[in-house]
Each structure stands twice: as C-alpha cells, then as structure tokens.
Amino acid sequence: MIYQDDKLFIELEIAEIPWLKIFTNEPFKELSDLPSDLRAYLFSVGLCCERALREFYHPDKINWASLANYVPRVHLHIQARFKDDSFWPQSMWGQKQRQAQRRKLDISAFSEYLNQQLKSLSSKN
C-alpha cells in the first residue's frame, strides 16, 4: 500500500509499467452504489494519480479501467503505458506483443511524489 486516508487506499500493482489501484476503504459493488461525495473524491484522487504518473514517468498514454469481476468491489486501475511496453497497444490484460526491456520504476521516489500530491488534494477536501 502506498497511500491511505479515511476514505480510500492506493496499492501498486507489481508489473513492468507504473500501475496503481485505488480502492474505497468501505467495499461497494458498483460505482453507482458509492455516496456522491465519495465517488467525487475517488475520481479526484484518480485524476491526481494520473497527473502524478504523467509528470513523473512521462508515458505515451494513461489507461483507466474499472473491471471488478475477479475482485468484486469498486476499484480503479490507472496505468502509465509506453509504446515499447510488452503489451502495447493491447490492454495489460491482453496478449503480450513483445518482450520489453524492464524500465526503472523507482517506486520509492514515485510514492513520495504521489503522497505529496495527494496531501495537497486531501487538504482541499
């Protein structure tokens, strides 16, 4: 876990790309089940994560997903994608397209950077 507050937490998916998963602390089955203020906060945090991924890693594209079939609770996947990653242009759940070189993710520095961004967001809510 790289972040937690009184409403949600963020996990890092171990992968070849920077990949965050955002969960509400209280489990909900569908996005429409969330109270409107929590849903708005979830998406604000998602946008903050997207900006942090873009600023820190400079990816070619950011992907958002919310599937919840295997983990039947609301959560968002936010992925920094690169044209030279193993799955591009397919989804990370798709068929591998090539063997990519491992990129240095520097998770510790990114986590610190993301937490700084989220603290400024939390102070506004």
Protein backbone atom coordinates (compact mmCIF):
# COMPACT_ATOMS: atom_id res chain seq x y z
CA MET A 1 0.00 0.00 0.00
CA ILE A 2 1.45 3.35 -0.97
CA TYR A 3 -1.29 5.64 0.37
CA GLN A 4 -4.28 5.52 2.71
CA ASP A 5 -6.65 8.06 4.20
CA ASP A 6 -10.05 7.82 5.90
CA LYS A 7 -11.87 7.21 2.58
CA LEU A 8 -9.61 5.14 0.33
CA PHE A 9 -6.27 3.47 -0.21
CA ILE A 10 -3.90 3.02 -3.14
CA GLU A 11 -1.93 -0.10 -3.98
CA LEU A 12 0.83 -0.59 -6.50
CA GLU A 13 0.31 -3.47 -8.93
CA ILE A 14 3.61 -5.26 -9.47
CA ALA A 15 4.11 -5.02 -13.23
CA GLU A 16 6.53 -3.79 -15.86
CA ILE A 17 4.68 -0.47 -16.01
CA PRO A 18 3.66 2.00 -13.29
CA TRP A 19 0.20 0.71 -12.29
CA LEU A 20 -1.93 1.99 -9.43
CA LYS A 21 -5.13 0.52 -7.98
CA ILE A 22 -7.42 2.75 -5.93
CA PHE A 23 -9.92 1.15 -3.52
CA THR A 24 -12.51 2.71 -1.24
CA ASN A 25 -11.99 1.65 2.38
CA GLU A 26 -15.61 0.55 2.57
CA PRO A 27 -16.40 -2.00 -0.13
CA PHE A 28 -19.10 -1.17 -2.68
CA LYS A 29 -20.17 -3.44 -5.52
CA GLU A 30 -20.77 -0.78 -8.19
CA LEU A 31 -19.72 2.85 -8.74
CA SER A 32 -23.38 3.87 -8.56
CA ASP A 33 -23.52 2.44 -5.00
CA LEU A 34 -21.00 4.98 -3.70
CA PRO A 35 -22.29 8.10 -1.96
CA SER A 36 -21.86 11.01 -4.37
CA ASP A 37 -19.21 12.75 -2.24
CA LEU A 38 -17.10 9.59 -2.04
CA ARG A 39 -17.49 8.95 -5.78
CA ALA A 40 -16.34 12.52 -6.49
CA TYR A 41 -13.37 12.09 -4.15
CA LEU A 42 -12.44 8.75 -5.76
CA PHE A 43 -12.30 10.39 -9.18
CA SER A 44 -10.39 13.41 -7.81
CA VAL A 45 -7.79 11.04 -6.40
CA GLY A 46 -7.76 9.17 -9.71
CA LEU A 47 -7.05 12.40 -11.59
CA CYS A 48 -4.32 13.27 -9.09
CA CYS A 49 -2.76 9.82 -9.67
CA GLU A 50 -2.98 10.32 -13.43
CA ARG A 51 -1.23 13.69 -13.22
CA ALA A 52 1.47 12.27 -10.93
CA LEU A 53 2.10 9.33 -13.28
CA ARG A 54 2.31 11.68 -16.27
CA GLU A 55 4.65 14.14 -14.55
CA PHE A 56 6.92 11.50 -13.01
CA TYR A 57 7.12 8.87 -15.78
CA HIS A 58 6.21 10.77 -18.99
CA PRO A 59 4.26 7.85 -20.50
CA ASP A 60 2.84 7.75 -24.00
CA LYS A 61 -0.67 7.18 -22.63
CA ILE A 62 -2.59 6.74 -19.38
CA ASN A 63 -5.15 3.93 -19.18
CA TRP A 64 -8.03 3.84 -16.70
CA ALA A 65 -10.02 0.67 -16.01
CA SER A 66 -12.68 -0.50 -13.60
CA LEU A 67 -13.48 -4.18 -14.09
CA ALA A 68 -14.15 -5.77 -10.68
CA ASN A 69 -15.02 -9.25 -11.91
CA TYR A 70 -12.24 -11.04 -10.01
CA VAL A 71 -12.24 -8.55 -7.14
CA PRO A 72 -15.97 -7.78 -6.86
CA ARG A 73 -15.69 -4.34 -5.30
CA VAL A 74 -15.23 -0.87 -6.71
CA HIS A 75 -11.64 -0.07 -7.58
CA LEU A 76 -9.87 1.84 -10.31
CA HIS A 77 -6.77 0.80 -12.23
CA ILE A 78 -4.62 3.66 -13.50
CA GLN A 79 -1.72 2.62 -15.71
CA ALA A 80 1.13 4.54 -17.30
CA ARG A 81 1.58 2.97 -20.74
CA PHE A 82 4.54 3.12 -23.10
CA LYS A 83 4.71 2.26 -26.79
CA ASP A 84 7.59 -0.10 -26.02
CA ASP A 85 5.91 -2.00 -23.15
CA SER A 86 5.24 -5.71 -23.69
CA PHE A 87 1.52 -5.33 -24.32
CA TRP A 88 1.22 -2.04 -26.28
CA PRO A 89 -1.20 -1.30 -27.92
CA GLN A 90 -3.24 -4.07 -26.24
CA SER A 91 -4.50 -3.78 -22.67
CA MET A 92 -2.29 -5.11 -19.90
CA TRP A 93 -4.75 -8.00 -19.59
CA GLY A 94 -4.41 -8.76 -23.31
CA GLN A 95 -1.92 -10.76 -25.33
CA LYS A 96 1.74 -9.92 -24.98
CA GLN A 97 3.07 -8.27 -28.15
CA ARG A 98 6.81 -8.40 -27.49
CA GLN A 99 9.41 -8.86 -24.77
CA ALA A 100 10.07 -5.38 -23.45
CA GLN A 101 13.11 -4.10 -21.61
CA ARG A 102 12.42 -3.60 -17.90
CA ARG A 103 12.20 0.09 -17.14
CA LYS A 104 13.38 1.52 -13.84
CA LEU A 105 10.21 2.42 -11.93
CA ASP A 106 11.83 3.96 -8.81
CA ILE A 107 8.73 3.14 -6.77
CA SER A 108 10.06 4.75 -3.60
CA ALA A 109 10.60 8.16 -5.23
CA PHE A 110 7.28 7.94 -7.08
CA SER A 111 5.41 7.01 -3.88
CA GLU A 112 6.89 10.03 -2.13
CA TYR A 113 5.96 12.28 -5.06
CA LEU A 114 2.40 10.91 -5.22
CA ASN A 115 1.90 11.29 -1.47
CA GLN A 116 2.92 14.97 -1.69
CA GLN A 117 0.35 15.50 -4.46
CA LEU A 118 -2.37 13.66 -2.53
CA LYS A 119 -1.71 15.62 0.67
CA SER A 120 -2.45 18.85 -1.15
CA LEU A 121 -5.64 17.29 -2.55
CA SER A 122 -6.71 15.99 0.90
CA SER A 123 -6.27 19.42 2.46
CA LYS A 124 -8.85 20.75 -0.01
CA ASN A 125 -11.45 18.10 0.93
